[in-house]
Amino acid sequence: MLKFSSTCLLASVLAAASAIAAPDDPQVRLGPDGKSAIEVSNLTATTACPTARSTGTILKRHFEEGRGFAGITFKDDKFGESYINLRDPGTIEDEKLRASIVSALDNLLREGERLELIVKSCGAGGRIEKLDAARHIVAVPATAATISPTATMGRIEGRLAYPSDFIPSDLNACAENIDTKATVCTSKKIKLPNKGGTGYQLSVPAGTYYVFAILPLDSKDNYNKDGSRAYYSELVTCGYDARTCKSHALIPVVVEAGKTVKNISPGDYYDDKQVRQPVPEAVKGVGSALLAAQTGGAALEPGEYEGTADYGGDIVLSVKGADAAIEVTKPGCVGNADGKLKKVRADQWEMRPDWPGCVIRFKQDGKRVKIKEGNKCHPLHGTSCSFDGLVSIQRKPVADRPTQNQ
């Protein structure tokens, strides 16, 4: 493993690599000091593996003889621990680029560091996780839950977008402070000048923000009934053309006191790597009952359910209290998942297995349960089958069955 004791040497190596790297080569981005690496990207050579974004902390670095730094144990804030493989530097042909990547990873991937990662899930069932990108996150202060009303204010404004021919009346524009995570939202719309369309304006303390659009959980237009966020990202700034715009990287918005930052348009509804997060309490329009629903509720009737999958095969769903497990089987395809059930409506529940972005939803339909998975669950069962289907309860737990003496 290469190590550099001089920050000047590291900066010169990184700068040289940035100048020679092609768009598809691994990339290094330097911080404001022009010396320290704050982000690496394009680390994997394959485009065939599903990707997911993960935020958390590095627990341990792993080394292999003859190769050096080979992987990390990473604890995702939501999904727990996993082992993530690093690219073998020997596969990078250019010597200067190879040296810059090794140095950047050695300095960026430190034990205890909080990072945002993009991970590719390869191999059988997507069980081999490979690091594609890593970005440093500023540590969150313990007192960061609120925004100080005495802080000097600035403004963010821009055009709202929505993948339809209208803008929902309850579509919110939100700004999340990158350092403190404090979030400000508004559902109030403004008319932009020069036929600029429907926009928004937010007053926020001076700082650096990620800006996103989001619908309340109880919105009639929130078809997924989740906290999906459409960020202001590089896809927006290059014209929403998915054929030429390959990056969904979030763009930090710097707000100075007494100034307005214009043309910030959150609208990246096409990022399949975004992590669906809880709807911020600042979002206008979320009813108190729905906020309470996010924290849990009664589970499905306990027992074992059986039925047929929409794409062929058999489904078995086992429910015990708040715990659920589902299995689908058909010739050439087997899949399973388990997790905690959370009530989101009077007749609807959801389960989030230990797989980034995967959500499986359950809807009561009389004595049957309709099952529908999200679009990020396929690594759990492959491409030729699905958890989607309809099941009916077959066997209740022993304690719930009547005995012969009753």
Protein backbone atom coordinates (compact mmCIF):
# COMPACT_ATOMS: atom_id res chain seq x y z
CA MET A 1 0.00 0.00 0.00
CA LEU A 2 1.30 3.43 -0.91
CA LYS A 3 1.50 6.03 1.82
CA PHE A 4 2.49 9.70 1.51
CA SER A 5 3.76 11.64 4.47
CA SER A 6 3.72 14.92 2.58
CA THR A 7 0.42 16.63 1.76
CA CYS A 8 2.22 18.49 -1.02
CA LEU A 9 3.19 15.22 -2.67
CA LEU A 10 -0.36 13.90 -2.30
CA ALA A 11 -1.80 17.08 -3.82
CA SER A 12 0.56 16.94 -6.79
CA VAL A 13 -0.24 13.29 -7.48
CA LEU A 14 -3.99 13.89 -7.26
CA ALA A 15 -3.83 16.94 -9.47
CA ALA A 16 -1.83 15.07 -12.11
CA ALA A 17 -4.31 12.22 -12.10
CA SER A 18 -7.27 14.58 -12.48
CA ALA A 19 -5.70 16.03 -15.59
CA ILE A 20 -5.22 12.69 -17.32
CA ALA A 21 -8.33 10.78 -16.24
CA ALA A 22 -10.89 10.03 -18.93
CA PRO A 23 -14.62 10.43 -18.05
CA ASP A 24 -15.02 6.68 -17.42
CA ASP A 25 -11.79 6.38 -15.41
CA PRO A 26 -11.73 6.61 -11.61
CA GLN A 27 -11.99 10.24 -10.48
CA VAL A 28 -10.70 12.15 -7.46
CA ARG A 29 -12.20 15.42 -6.21
CA LEU A 30 -10.18 17.67 -3.92
CA GLY A 31 -11.46 19.79 -1.06
CA PRO A 32 -11.28 23.58 -0.76
CA ASP A 33 -7.63 23.36 0.32
CA GLY A 34 -6.73 21.85 -3.05
CA LYS A 35 -4.84 19.05 -1.30
CA SER A 36 -7.14 16.64 0.52
CA ALA A 37 -9.36 14.18 -1.35
CA ILE A 38 -13.03 14.52 -0.34
CA GLU A 39 -14.55 12.25 -3.00
CA VAL A 40 -13.61 9.37 -5.28
CA SER A 41 -15.89 7.99 -7.99
CA ASN A 42 -16.08 5.62 -10.99
CA LEU A 43 -14.13 2.97 -9.10
CA THR A 44 -15.83 -0.10 -10.58
CA ALA A 45 -15.29 -1.07 -14.18
CA THR A 46 -18.66 -2.82 -14.63
CA THR A 47 -22.04 -1.22 -15.38
CA ALA A 48 -24.05 -4.45 -15.15
CA CYS A 49 -24.49 -4.58 -11.35
CA PRO A 50 -27.35 -2.83 -9.49
CA THR A 51 -26.30 0.22 -7.50
CA ALA A 52 -27.40 1.74 -4.18
CA ARG A 53 -26.44 4.77 -2.11
CA SER A 54 -25.46 4.17 1.51
CA THR A 55 -24.67 6.53 4.39
CA GLY A 56 -22.85 5.41 7.51
CA THR A 57 -19.55 4.83 9.28
CA ILE A 58 -16.41 2.80 8.55
CA LEU A 59 -15.86 0.27 11.33
CA LYS A 60 -12.74 -1.54 10.07
CA ARG A 61 -10.23 -1.56 7.22
CA HIS A 62 -9.12 -4.89 5.74
CA PHE A 63 -5.80 -5.71 4.06
CA GLU A 64 -4.61 -8.61 1.92
CA GLU A 65 -1.05 -9.82 1.42
CA GLY A 66 0.36 -8.71 -1.90
CA ARG A 67 -2.44 -6.21 -2.50
CA GLY A 68 -2.76 -3.99 0.54
CA PHE A 69 -6.01 -2.16 1.29
CA ALA A 70 -8.72 -4.54 0.01
CA GLY A 71 -12.01 -3.71 1.74
CA ILE A 72 -13.93 -2.14 4.58
CA THR A 73 -16.55 -3.13 7.12
CA PHE A 74 -19.19 -0.43 6.77
CA LYS A 75 -22.16 0.21 9.06
CA ASP A 76 -25.06 1.73 7.16
CA ASP A 77 -27.24 3.99 9.31
CA LYS A 78 -30.31 1.97 8.39
CA PHE A 79 -29.29 -1.49 7.16
CA GLY A 80 -26.42 -2.36 9.49
CA GLU A 81 -22.98 -3.84 8.77
CA SER A 82 -21.62 -5.25 5.51
CA TYR A 83 -18.26 -5.96 3.89
CA ILE A 84 -17.49 -3.79 0.86
CA ASN A 85 -14.73 -4.69 -1.58
CA LEU A 86 -12.30 -2.14 -3.00
CA ARG A 87 -11.06 -2.21 -6.56
CA ASP A 88 -7.69 -3.90 -7.03
CA PRO A 89 -5.37 -0.99 -7.91
CA GLY A 90 -3.44 -3.31 -10.20
CA THR A 91 -6.35 -3.11 -12.67
CA ILE A 92 -5.70 0.62 -13.21
CA GLU A 93 -3.13 0.81 -15.99
CA ASP A 94 -2.00 4.43 -15.70
CA GLU A 95 0.62 4.66 -12.95
CA LYS A 96 -0.17 8.24 -11.86
CA LEU A 97 -3.90 7.58 -11.75
CA ARG A 98 -3.31 4.33 -9.85
CA ALA A 99 -1.15 6.13 -7.27
CA SER A 100 -3.72 8.89 -6.80
CA ILE A 101 -6.58 6.43 -6.23
CA VAL A 102 -4.57 4.37 -3.70
CA SER A 103 -3.60 7.56 -1.83
CA ALA A 104 -7.11 9.02 -1.92
CA LEU A 105 -8.71 5.82 -0.60
CA ASP A 106 -6.08 5.50 2.12
CA ASN A 107 -6.81 9.04 3.32
CA LEU A 108 -10.59 9.03 2.78
CA LEU A 109 -11.55 5.57 4.08
CA ARG A 110 -10.47 5.92 7.69
CA GLU A 111 -11.96 3.97 10.57
CA GLY A 112 -14.61 6.07 12.29
CA GLU A 113 -15.17 8.31 9.26
CA ARG A 114 -18.74 9.07 8.18
CA LEU A 115 -19.16 8.70 4.43
CA GLU A 116 -21.76 8.55 1.72
CA LEU A 117 -21.04 5.58 -0.56
CA ILE A 118 -22.30 4.31 -3.89
CA VAL A 119 -22.08 0.52 -3.89
CA LYS A 120 -22.57 -1.96 -6.71
CA SER A 121 -24.04 -5.37 -5.84
CA CYS A 122 -22.57 -8.07 -8.08
CA GLY A 123 -22.28 -11.84 -8.21
CA ALA A 124 -24.94 -14.43 -7.42
CA GLY A 125 -27.89 -12.69 -5.80
CA GLY A 126 -25.94 -9.45 -5.68
CA ARG A 127 -24.15 -10.55 -2.51
CA ILE A 128 -20.70 -9.20 -3.50
CA GLU A 129 -20.65 -5.47 -2.77
CA LYS A 130 -18.10 -3.30 -4.58
CA LEU A 131 -17.30 0.32 -3.80
CA ASP A 132 -18.01 2.62 -6.75
CA ALA A 133 -17.82 6.02 -5.05
CA ALA A 134 -17.20 7.57 -1.63
CA ARG A 135 -17.77 11.10 -0.36
CA HIS A 136 -16.77 12.63 2.97
CA ILE A 137 -19.59 13.83 5.24
CA VAL A 138 -19.02 16.58 7.77
CA ALA A 139 -19.69 15.28 11.28
CA VAL A 140 -23.11 16.27 12.66
CA PRO A 141 -22.93 18.30 15.89
CA ALA A 142 -24.90 16.87 18.80
CA THR A 143 -26.94 20.10 19.12
CA ALA A 144 -27.87 20.23 15.43
CA ALA A 145 -31.55 19.38 15.69
CA THR A 146 -32.80 22.96 15.39
CA ILE A 147 -32.07 26.00 13.28
CA SER A 148 -31.09 29.07 15.24
CA PRO A 149 -33.61 31.87 14.66
CA THR A 150 -30.90 34.44 15.30
CA ALA A 151 -28.65 33.18 12.50
CA THR A 152 -28.20 35.57 9.56
CA MET A 153 -30.54 34.56 6.77
CA GLY A 154 -30.29 34.10 3.02
CA ARG A 155 -32.65 32.73 0.36
CA ILE A 156 -32.91 29.88 -2.12
CA GLU A 157 -35.34 30.01 -5.01
CA GLY A 158 -35.99 28.18 -8.24
CA ARG A 159 -38.43 26.41 -10.49
CA LEU A 160 -40.41 23.36 -9.38
CA ALA A 161 -40.62 20.27 -11.57
CA TYR A 162 -42.81 17.17 -11.49
CA PRO A 163 -43.03 14.20 -13.90
CA SER A 164 -46.52 15.12 -15.14
CA ASP A 165 -48.32 18.01 -16.80
CA PHE A 166 -49.04 19.73 -13.47
CA ILE A 167 -47.36 20.70 -10.20
CA PRO A 168 -49.13 19.16 -7.15
CA SER A 169 -50.43 21.86 -4.83
CA ASP A 170 -48.81 20.12 -1.85
CA LEU A 171 -45.40 19.53 -3.46
CA ASN A 172 -42.81 20.82 -0.99
CA ALA A 173 -39.42 22.35 -1.65
CA CYS A 174 -36.97 21.60 1.17
CA ALA A 175 -33.41 22.61 2.04
CA GLU A 176 -31.37 20.34 4.31
CA ASN A 177 -28.29 21.81 5.92
CA ILE A 178 -25.39 19.48 5.05
CA ASP A 179 -23.62 20.02 8.37
CA THR A 180 -26.52 20.11 10.86
CA LYS A 181 -29.20 18.13 8.95
CA ALA A 182 -31.75 20.79 10.02
CA THR A 183 -34.42 21.04 7.31
CA VAL A 184 -36.67 23.89 6.16
CA CYS A 185 -39.63 23.20 3.81
CA THR A 186 -42.38 25.16 2.10
CA SER A 187 -45.42 24.21 0.04
CA LYS A 188 -46.09 27.86 -0.90
CA LYS A 189 -45.70 28.46 -4.62
CA ILE A 190 -44.54 31.61 -6.42
CA LYS A 191 -44.93 32.64 -10.05
CA LEU A 192 -41.52 33.08 -11.63
CA PRO A 193 -40.97 36.07 -13.94
CA ASN A 194 -40.66 35.86 -17.74
CA LYS A 195 -42.97 32.84 -17.94
CA GLY A 196 -40.55 30.87 -15.83
CA GLY A 197 -43.28 28.64 -14.45
CA THR A 198 -44.14 27.69 -10.88
CA GLY A 199 -41.43 28.16 -8.31
CA TYR A 200 -40.64 28.36 -4.60
CA GLN A 201 -38.61 30.50 -2.23
CA LEU A 202 -36.99 29.42 1.04
CA SER A 203 -35.45 31.59 3.76
CA VAL A 204 -32.61 29.74 5.49
CA PRO A 205 -29.64 30.56 7.72
CA ALA A 206 -26.36 31.06 5.89
CA GLY A 207 -24.80 27.67 5.19
CA THR A 208 -24.55 24.84 2.67
CA TYR A 209 -27.63 22.85 1.69
CA TYR A 210 -29.00 20.00 -0.37
CA VAL A 211 -32.31 21.01 -1.96
CA PHE A 212 -35.06 18.52 -2.79
CA ALA A 213 -38.76 18.30 -3.67
CA ILE A 214 -41.02 15.91 -1.77
CA LEU A 215 -44.71 15.09 -1.38
CA PRO A 216 -46.40 14.56 2.01
CA LEU A 217 -47.33 10.98 2.87
CA ASP A 218 -51.03 11.84 2.70
CA SER A 219 -50.82 13.49 -0.71
CA LYS A 220 -53.15 11.99 -3.32
CA ASP A 221 -50.25 12.28 -5.77
CA ASN A 222 -47.80 10.31 -3.60
CA TYR A 223 -48.41 7.01 -5.37
CA ASN A 224 -45.54 5.17 -3.68
CA LYS A 225 -46.66 6.39 -0.25
CA ASP A 226 -43.08 6.90 0.86
CA GLY A 227 -40.56 9.66 1.40
CA SER A 228 -38.99 9.72 -2.08
CA ARG A 229 -36.96 12.88 -2.65
CA ALA A 230 -36.23 14.58 -5.99
CA TYR A 231 -32.94 16.40 -5.44
CA TYR A 232 -31.21 19.27 -7.20
CA SER A 233 -28.48 17.18 -8.84
CA GLU A 234 -26.13 17.06 -11.82
CA LEU A 235 -28.90 15.43 -13.87
CA VAL A 236 -30.91 18.65 -13.49
CA THR A 237 -28.07 20.95 -14.54
CA CYS A 238 -27.34 18.97 -17.70
CA GLY A 239 -30.92 18.99 -18.94
CA TYR A 240 -32.53 15.78 -17.57
CA ASP A 241 -31.19 13.77 -20.53
CA ALA A 242 -30.53 10.31 -19.08
CA ARG A 243 -28.70 9.27 -22.26
CA THR A 244 -25.94 11.83 -21.81
CA CYS A 245 -26.31 12.71 -18.11
CA LYS A 246 -24.95 9.73 -16.20
CA SER A 247 -24.46 11.45 -12.84
CA HIS A 248 -27.06 11.94 -10.11
CA ALA A 249 -24.53 13.52 -7.75
CA LEU A 250 -26.16 15.98 -5.35
CA ILE A 251 -25.09 19.61 -5.78
CA PRO A 252 -24.36 21.57 -2.59
CA VAL A 253 -26.00 25.01 -2.56
CA VAL A 254 -24.02 27.67 -0.66
CA VAL A 255 -26.19 30.41 0.86
CA GLU A 256 -24.60 33.66 2.03
CA ALA A 257 -26.17 36.06 4.50
CA GLY A 258 -28.40 38.65 2.85
CA LYS A 259 -28.16 37.05 -0.60
CA THR A 260 -30.48 34.97 -2.79
CA VAL A 261 -29.30 31.90 -4.70
CA LYS A 262 -31.47 31.57 -7.82
CA ASN A 263 -32.24 28.85 -10.38
CA ILE A 264 -32.03 25.97 -7.91
CA SER A 265 -34.56 23.52 -9.34
CA PRO A 266 -35.01 20.22 -7.45
CA GLY A 267 -36.29 17.65 -9.92
CA ASP A 268 -34.19 14.48 -10.15
CA TYR A 269 -37.05 11.97 -10.07
CA TYR A 270 -34.92 9.46 -11.97
CA ASP A 271 -32.23 8.53 -9.46
CA ASP A 272 -32.81 4.82 -8.74
CA LYS A 273 -30.02 4.93 -6.14
CA GLN A 274 -31.61 7.45 -3.84
CA VAL A 275 -32.45 6.19 -0.40
CA ARG A 276 -36.06 6.72 0.59
CA GLN A 277 -35.95 8.48 3.92
CA PRO A 278 -38.59 9.41 6.51
CA VAL A 279 -40.60 12.48 5.54
CA PRO A 280 -39.18 15.48 7.47
CA GLU A 281 -41.53 16.96 10.05
CA ALA A 282 -40.98 20.30 8.29
CA VAL A 283 -42.91 19.05 5.24
CA LYS A 284 -46.24 20.85 4.99
CA GLY A 285 -49.34 18.68 4.78
CA VAL A 286 -48.34 15.58 6.78
CA GLY A 287 -51.19 14.70 9.14
CA SER A 288 -50.35 13.76 12.74
CA ALA A 289 -51.93 10.34 12.26
CA LEU A 290 -49.67 9.63 9.33
CA LEU A 291 -46.61 10.79 11.21
CA ALA A 292 -47.58 8.36 13.95
CA ALA A 293 -48.08 5.64 11.35
CA GLN A 294 -44.40 5.92 10.40
CA THR A 295 -43.42 4.64 13.83
CA GLY A 296 -45.41 1.42 13.72
CA GLY A 297 -48.79 -0.09 14.51
CA ALA A 298 -50.63 -3.39 14.64
CA ALA A 299 -49.20 -6.17 12.49
CA LEU A 300 -50.94 -8.56 10.11
CA GLU A 301 -52.85 -11.50 11.53
CA PRO A 302 -50.19 -14.01 12.64
CA GLY A 303 -49.89 -17.30 10.80
CA GLU A 304 -48.71 -18.80 7.53
CA TYR A 305 -50.06 -17.54 4.22
CA GLU A 306 -49.75 -19.27 0.86
CA GLY A 307 -50.57 -18.20 -2.67
CA THR A 308 -49.42 -17.68 -6.24
CA ALA A 309 -46.88 -15.15 -7.50
CA ASP A 310 -47.92 -12.81 -10.30
CA TYR A 311 -45.00 -13.94 -12.47
CA GLY A 312 -45.38 -17.64 -11.72
CA GLY A 313 -44.37 -19.75 -8.77
CA ASP A 314 -45.55 -20.13 -5.18
CA ILE A 315 -45.38 -17.64 -2.32
CA VAL A 316 -45.25 -18.46 1.39
CA LEU A 317 -45.60 -15.60 3.88
CA SER A 318 -45.02 -16.25 7.60
CA VAL A 319 -46.12 -13.65 10.16
CA LYS A 320 -45.35 -13.74 13.87
CA GLY A 321 -46.06 -10.51 15.70
CA ALA A 322 -44.18 -7.73 13.96
CA ASP A 323 -41.81 -10.20 12.26
CA ALA A 324 -42.45 -11.44 8.73
CA ALA A 325 -40.66 -13.71 6.26
CA ILE A 326 -41.54 -14.26 2.61
CA GLU A 327 -40.34 -16.89 0.14
CA VAL A 328 -41.04 -17.33 -3.57
CA THR A 329 -40.18 -20.51 -5.49
CA LYS A 330 -40.52 -21.47 -9.13
CA PRO A 331 -38.39 -23.58 -11.47
CA GLY A 332 -35.06 -21.82 -11.87
CA CYS A 333 -35.77 -19.08 -9.31
CA VAL A 334 -35.86 -18.96 -5.52
CA GLY A 335 -35.97 -15.88 -3.32
CA ASN A 336 -36.57 -14.95 0.30
CA ALA A 337 -36.62 -11.91 2.55
CA ASP A 338 -37.49 -11.09 6.14
CA GLY A 339 -37.88 -8.07 8.36
CA LYS A 340 -40.15 -6.04 10.62
CA LEU A 341 -43.70 -5.12 9.58
CA LYS A 342 -44.68 -1.48 9.93
CA LYS A 343 -48.25 -0.27 9.59
CA VAL A 344 -48.60 2.65 7.17
CA ARG A 345 -52.39 2.66 6.65
CA ALA A 346 -55.41 1.03 8.28
CA ASP A 347 -55.11 -1.92 5.89
CA GLN A 348 -51.51 -1.61 4.68
CA TRP A 349 -48.11 -2.63 6.01
CA GLU A 350 -44.57 -2.52 4.68
CA MET A 351 -41.37 -4.46 5.31
CA ARG A 352 -37.85 -3.28 4.57
CA PRO A 353 -35.51 -6.29 4.29
CA ASP A 354 -31.78 -6.02 4.84
CA TRP A 355 -31.15 -4.81 1.30
CA PRO A 356 -30.62 -1.12 0.38
CA GLY A 357 -33.77 0.48 -1.01
CA CYS A 358 -35.94 -2.67 -1.03
CA VAL A 359 -39.49 -2.20 0.25
CA ILE A 360 -42.19 -4.91 0.20
CA ARG A 361 -45.79 -3.76 0.76
CA PHE A 362 -48.76 -5.75 2.03
CA LYS A 363 -52.42 -4.75 1.60
CA GLN A 364 -55.32 -6.51 3.31
CA ASP A 365 -57.96 -7.63 0.79
CA GLY A 366 -60.66 -9.35 2.81
CA LYS A 367 -59.14 -12.62 4.03
CA ARG A 368 -56.32 -12.33 1.52
CA VAL A 369 -53.17 -10.21 1.41
CA LYS A 370 -51.90 -8.52 -1.76
CA ILE A 371 -48.10 -8.31 -1.93
CA LYS A 372 -46.21 -5.74 -4.02
CA GLU A 373 -42.47 -5.15 -3.99
CA GLY A 374 -40.53 -2.00 -4.90
CA ASN A 375 -38.15 -1.78 -7.82
CA LYS A 376 -34.96 -2.46 -5.81
CA CYS A 377 -35.75 -5.94 -4.46
CA HIS A 378 -34.71 -8.06 -7.46
CA PRO A 379 -31.27 -8.98 -6.02
CA LEU A 380 -33.16 -10.96 -3.36
CA HIS A 381 -34.79 -13.29 -5.89
CA GLY A 382 -33.30 -12.77 -9.35
CA THR A 383 -34.96 -11.52 -12.52
CA SER A 384 -37.28 -14.40 -13.42
CA CYS A 385 -39.53 -14.27 -10.35
CA SER A 386 -40.98 -11.73 -7.94
CA PHE A 387 -42.54 -11.37 -4.49
CA ASP A 388 -45.63 -9.80 -6.12
CA GLY A 389 -48.74 -11.92 -5.63
CA LEU A 390 -51.83 -12.75 -3.60
CA VAL A 391 -51.83 -15.03 -0.55
CA SER A 392 -54.40 -16.40 1.91
CA ILE A 393 -53.86 -17.53 5.49
CA GLN A 394 -53.56 -21.34 5.72
CA ARG A 395 -52.36 -22.05 9.23
CA LYS A 396 -52.57 -19.97 12.38
CA PRO A 397 -50.06 -20.28 15.24
CA VAL A 398 -50.76 -23.27 17.53
CA ALA A 399 -51.81 -21.02 20.41
CA ASP A 400 -54.51 -19.47 18.20
CA ARG A 401 -56.09 -22.76 17.03
CA PRO A 402 -59.07 -24.22 18.91
CA THR A 403 -58.32 -27.44 20.85
CA GLN A 404 -60.45 -30.59 20.82
CA ASN A 405 -61.78 -29.73 24.30
CA GLN A 406 -63.13 -26.36 23.21
